[in-house]
């Protein structure tokens, strides 16, 4: 199977690695998977570096046919409401680049290589359809990986302007995706939305509800993968 086929066709029916940031996300995923032996779920830590390192270590220690970055995240207003689910069409390192007098320039614009990894398109489509059929609200679009979670309306607006197709932000997806891409493995990102991207209001976050949605979505993985 070529790298292009891996991204566009169906992933091989083999073991699947799911990478979360923290134990609460891992446990929510495990609850939904109901003890299936086809999935290994690891909490690699928060942030891109921990996600990439943890994913690479797990891939070196086992044989997998697909990798999933999963957890909770922030949804862009109007694209992914709190309590809904998001599937990434691509994972973008949104703040990897440089500030210039003309504004932010991505690492790709600076000539340092791609800042985006495409998700496994065929599986995204199949999983989105299955989630919707199960009555779960789901959106598909770019998911931004950031090192600093957005906390102001201004930052949210700038991110949305730079990435018009963005539906959510989180802190690990691109790191997981880079590690998977290095081994030519298909990769997905699944997020349950706990808060809106914008002014930080921790009291308004719905983490419990998001973890429940993540667990429900993980149960659907059993049907699709």
Foldseek 3Di string as FASTA:
>chain_A
DDLVCQQEPDWDPAAEEEEEADPLLQVLLCLLQVPDPSYDYDRQHFFLVSLLVVLLVVVVVDPDREYEYEEAFAWAPPFADALAKEKEQKEFAQQAADQDPVGTDHCVNVVNDGRIDGARVVLSVVLVVLCVVVVGHYGYFYEYAYPDAAAAQVVSVVSCVVGVGYTTYGGHQSSSRVSCVVVSHGYMYMYRYQYHRHHDDPVSGRRVSSSNSSSNSSNSVVVRD
